[in-house]
C-alpha atoms as a PDB file:
ATOM      1  CA  MET A   1      14.588 -21.937   2.637  1.00  0.00           C
ATOM      2  CA  LEU A   2      12.025 -19.485   3.999  1.00  0.00           C
ATOM      3  CA  PHE A   3       8.338 -19.908   3.156  1.00  0.00           C
ATOM      4  CA  VAL A   4       5.782 -17.154   3.590  1.00  0.00           C
ATOM      5  CA  VAL A   5       2.150 -17.990   4.335  1.00  0.00           C
ATOM      6  CA  ASP A   6      -0.246 -15.471   2.857  1.00  0.00           C
ATOM      7  CA  PHE A   7      -3.540 -14.522   4.522  1.00  0.00           C
ATOM      8  CA  ASP A   8      -5.492 -17.038   2.466  1.00  0.00           C
ATOM      9  CA  GLY A   9      -3.088 -19.860   3.363  1.00  0.00           C
ATOM     10  CA  THR A  10      -1.106 -19.739   0.115  1.00  0.00           C
ATOM     11  CA  LEU A  11       2.555 -20.742   0.502  1.00  0.00           C
ATOM     12  CA  SER A  12       5.174 -18.653  -1.255  1.00  0.00           C
ATOM     13  CA  VAL A  13       8.951 -18.309  -1.195  1.00  0.00           C
ATOM     14  CA  ARG A  14       8.496 -14.537  -1.372  1.00  0.00           C
ATOM     15  CA  ASP A  15       6.272 -12.109   0.509  1.00  0.00           C
ATOM     16  CA  THR A  16       3.484 -11.201  -1.910  1.00  0.00           C
ATOM     17  CA  VAL A  17       2.935  -7.764  -0.355  1.00  0.00           C
ATOM     18  CA  ASP A  18       6.623  -6.896  -0.804  1.00  0.00           C
ATOM     19  CA  ALA A  19       6.445  -8.040  -4.437  1.00  0.00           C
ATOM     20  CA  MET A  20       3.377  -5.862  -5.022  1.00  0.00           C
ATOM     21  CA  LEU A  21       5.042  -2.862  -3.373  1.00  0.00           C
ATOM     22  CA  GLU A  22       8.216  -3.295  -5.437  1.00  0.00           C
ATOM     23  CA  GLN A  23       6.137  -3.341  -8.620  1.00  0.00           C
ATOM     24  CA  PHE A  24       3.570  -0.627  -7.947  1.00  0.00           C
ATOM     25  CA  ALA A  25       4.649   1.621  -5.063  1.00  0.00           C
ATOM     26  CA  ASP A  26       7.157   4.400  -4.719  1.00  0.00           C
ATOM     27  CA  PRO A  27      10.535   3.112  -3.440  1.00  0.00           C
ATOM     28  CA  SER A  28       9.925   4.963  -0.176  1.00  0.00           C
ATOM     29  CA  TRP A  29       7.727   2.021   0.906  1.00  0.00           C
ATOM     30  CA  GLU A  30      10.937   0.499   2.243  1.00  0.00           C
ATOM     31  CA  ASP A  31      11.316   3.457   4.635  1.00  0.00           C
ATOM     32  CA  VAL A  32       7.838   2.734   6.002  1.00  0.00           C
ATOM     33  CA  GLU A  33       8.771  -0.942   6.367  1.00  0.00           C
ATOM     34  CA  LYS A  34      11.884   0.060   8.314  1.00  0.00           C
ATOM     35  CA  GLU A  35       9.809   2.284  10.630  1.00  0.00           C
ATOM     36  CA  TRP A  36       7.629  -0.740  11.402  1.00  0.00           C
ATOM     37  CA  LEU A  37      10.549  -3.138  11.872  1.00  0.00           C
ATOM     38  CA  ASP A  38      12.198  -0.622  14.222  1.00  0.00           C
ATOM     39  CA  GLY A  39       8.976  -0.448  16.255  1.00  0.00           C
ATOM     40  CA  HIS A  40       8.182   3.210  15.545  1.00  0.00           C
ATOM     41  CA  ILE A  41       4.782   2.476  13.994  1.00  0.00           C
ATOM     42  CA  THR A  42       2.292  -0.369  14.367  1.00  0.00           C
ATOM     43  CA  ALA A  43       1.628  -3.044  11.767  1.00  0.00           C
ATOM     44  CA  VAL A  44      -1.712  -1.402  11.021  1.00  0.00           C
ATOM     45  CA  GLN A  45      -0.090   1.986  10.364  1.00  0.00           C
ATOM     46  CA  CYS A  46       2.570   0.356   8.184  1.00  0.00           C
ATOM     47  CA  MET A  47       0.025  -1.462   6.029  1.00  0.00           C
ATOM     48  CA  GLN A  48      -2.157   1.628   5.662  1.00  0.00           C
ATOM     49  CA  LYS A  49       0.755   3.808   4.548  1.00  0.00           C
ATOM     50  CA  GLN A  50       2.043   1.223   2.090  1.00  0.00           C
ATOM     51  CA  LEU A  51      -1.383   0.578   0.573  1.00  0.00           C
ATOM     52  CA  ARG A  52      -1.878   4.309   0.052  1.00  0.00           C
ATOM     53  CA  MET A  53       1.396   4.408  -1.896  1.00  0.00           C
ATOM     54  CA  VAL A  54       0.219   1.608  -4.195  1.00  0.00           C
ATOM     55  CA  SER A  55      -3.203   3.163  -4.612  1.00  0.00           C
ATOM     56  CA  VAL A  56      -1.862   6.573  -5.631  1.00  0.00           C
ATOM     57  CA  ASN A  57       0.668   5.238  -8.131  1.00  0.00           C
ATOM     58  CA  MET A  58      -1.792   2.827  -9.735  1.00  0.00           C
ATOM     59  CA  SER A  59      -4.491   5.491  -9.964  1.00  0.00           C
ATOM     60  CA  LEU A  60      -2.153   8.017 -11.591  1.00  0.00           C
ATOM     61  CA  ARG A  61      -0.940   5.400 -14.083  1.00  0.00           C
ATOM     62  CA  LYS A  62      -4.546   4.576 -14.943  1.00  0.00           C
ATOM     63  CA  VAL A  63      -5.370   8.250 -15.560  1.00  0.00           C
ATOM     64  CA  THR A  64      -2.377   8.848 -17.838  1.00  0.00           C
ATOM     65  CA  LYS A  65      -2.792   5.554 -19.690  1.00  0.00           C
ATOM     66  CA  SER A  66      -6.404   6.263 -20.612  1.00  0.00           C
ATOM     67  CA  ARG A  67      -5.506   9.754 -21.833  1.00  0.00           C
ATOM     68  CA  GLY A  68      -2.805   8.831 -24.358  1.00  0.00           C
ATOM     69  CA  SER A  69      -0.903  12.058 -25.044  1.00  0.00           C
ATOM     70  CA  PHE A  70      -0.854  15.552 -23.595  1.00  0.00           C
ATOM     71  CA  PRO A  71      -0.393  18.884 -25.391  1.00  0.00           C
ATOM     72  CA  ASN A  72       1.997  20.200 -22.713  1.00  0.00           C
ATOM     73  CA  ASP A  73       3.304  19.716 -19.161  1.00  0.00           C
ATOM     74  CA  GLU A  74       0.630  21.976 -17.699  1.00  0.00           C
ATOM     75  CA  ALA A  75      -2.105  19.654 -18.986  1.00  0.00           C
ATOM     76  CA  VAL A  76      -0.467  16.711 -17.188  1.00  0.00           C
ATOM     77  CA  MET A  77      -0.156  18.697 -13.968  1.00  0.00           C
ATOM     78  CA  LYS A  78      -3.822  19.731 -14.094  1.00  0.00           C
ATOM     79  CA  LEU A  79      -4.879  16.141 -14.685  1.00  0.00           C
ATOM     80  CA  PHE A  80      -2.728  14.910 -11.767  1.00  0.00           C
ATOM     81  CA  HIS A  81      -4.133  17.625  -9.514  1.00  0.00           C
ATOM     82  CA  LEU A  82      -7.723  16.572 -10.252  1.00  0.00           C
ATOM     83  CA  ALA A  83      -6.856  12.884  -9.951  1.00  0.00           C
ATOM     84  CA  LEU A  84      -5.154  13.410  -6.577  1.00  0.00           C
ATOM     85  CA  GLN A  85      -8.225  15.235  -5.281  1.00  0.00           C
ATOM     86  CA  ASN A  86     -10.384  12.233  -6.225  1.00  0.00           C
ATOM     87  CA  ILE A  87      -7.882   9.722  -4.872  1.00  0.00           C
ATOM     88  CA  SER A  88      -7.514  11.478  -1.512  1.00  0.00           C
ATOM     89  CA  GLN A  89     -11.252  11.167  -0.862  1.00  0.00           C
ATOM     90  CA  LYS A  90     -10.839   7.372  -0.772  1.00  0.00           C
ATOM     91  CA  TRP A  91      -8.216   7.559   2.003  1.00  0.00           C
ATOM     92  CA  THR A  92     -10.832   8.129   4.669  1.00  0.00           C
ATOM     93  CA  MET A  93     -12.842   5.053   3.671  1.00  0.00           C
ATOM     94  CA  PRO A  94     -12.350   1.914   5.790  1.00  0.00           C
ATOM     95  CA  LEU A  95     -10.127  -0.796   4.325  1.00  0.00           C
ATOM     96  CA  ARG A  96     -12.010  -3.685   2.747  1.00  0.00           C
ATOM     97  CA  ASP A  97     -11.345  -7.145   4.233  1.00  0.00           C
ATOM     98  CA  TRP A  98      -9.133  -5.631   6.916  1.00  0.00           C
ATOM     99  CA  LYS A  99     -10.410  -7.893   9.727  1.00  0.00           C
ATOM    100  CA  PRO A 100      -8.784 -11.137   8.402  1.00  0.00           C
ATOM    101  CA  ALA A 101      -5.502  -9.291   7.856  1.00  0.00           C
ATOM    102  CA  LEU A 102      -5.627  -7.791  11.336  1.00  0.00           C
ATOM    103  CA  ASN A 103      -6.302 -11.234  12.843  1.00  0.00           C
ATOM    104  CA  ARG A 104      -3.269 -12.635  11.020  1.00  0.00           C
ATOM    105  CA  PHE A 105      -1.057  -9.745  12.188  1.00  0.00           C
ATOM    106  CA  THR A 106      -2.246 -10.282  15.754  1.00  0.00           C
ATOM    107  CA  ILE A 107      -1.178 -13.931  15.622  1.00  0.00           C
ATOM    108  CA  GLN A 108       2.120 -13.406  13.819  1.00  0.00           C
ATOM    109  CA  PHE A 109       3.215 -10.154  15.508  1.00  0.00           C
ATOM    110  CA  GLU A 110       1.493 -10.372  18.884  1.00  0.00           C
ATOM    111  CA  GLU A 111       4.116  -8.284  20.683  1.00  0.00           C
ATOM    112  CA  ARG A 112       3.814  -5.478  18.104  1.00  0.00           C
ATOM    113  CA  MET A 113       0.019  -5.165  18.053  1.00  0.00           C
ATOM    114  CA  PRO A 114      -1.752  -2.662  20.318  1.00  0.00           C
ATOM    115  CA  GLN A 115      -3.703  -4.285  23.130  1.00  0.00           C
ATOM    116  CA  GLN A 116      -7.443  -3.598  23.209  1.00  0.00           C
END
């Protein structure tokens, strides 16, 4: 049996990030994972892309859930357009608590991490 150790030391039989991505991200997160496993992108790039996918989907769900109903499709599209503008501003902000994650990646995937 395979056990996964999370960043905080929690033991799990399943990768918690994969479980979160399956629940909240677009299915294309698996393509990003494959890019990383094939060595085309770094672990940092993989995590950033996947977290953006979760962030966008969760934010759009939050916007539509708080609204209730819409008079027509155009109203939904306008709301998504405005929401995506707000969401995209957050993409340039630094990731919170990234340093512990980066340290863990450096230990676990030493050969895949860029040398500084």
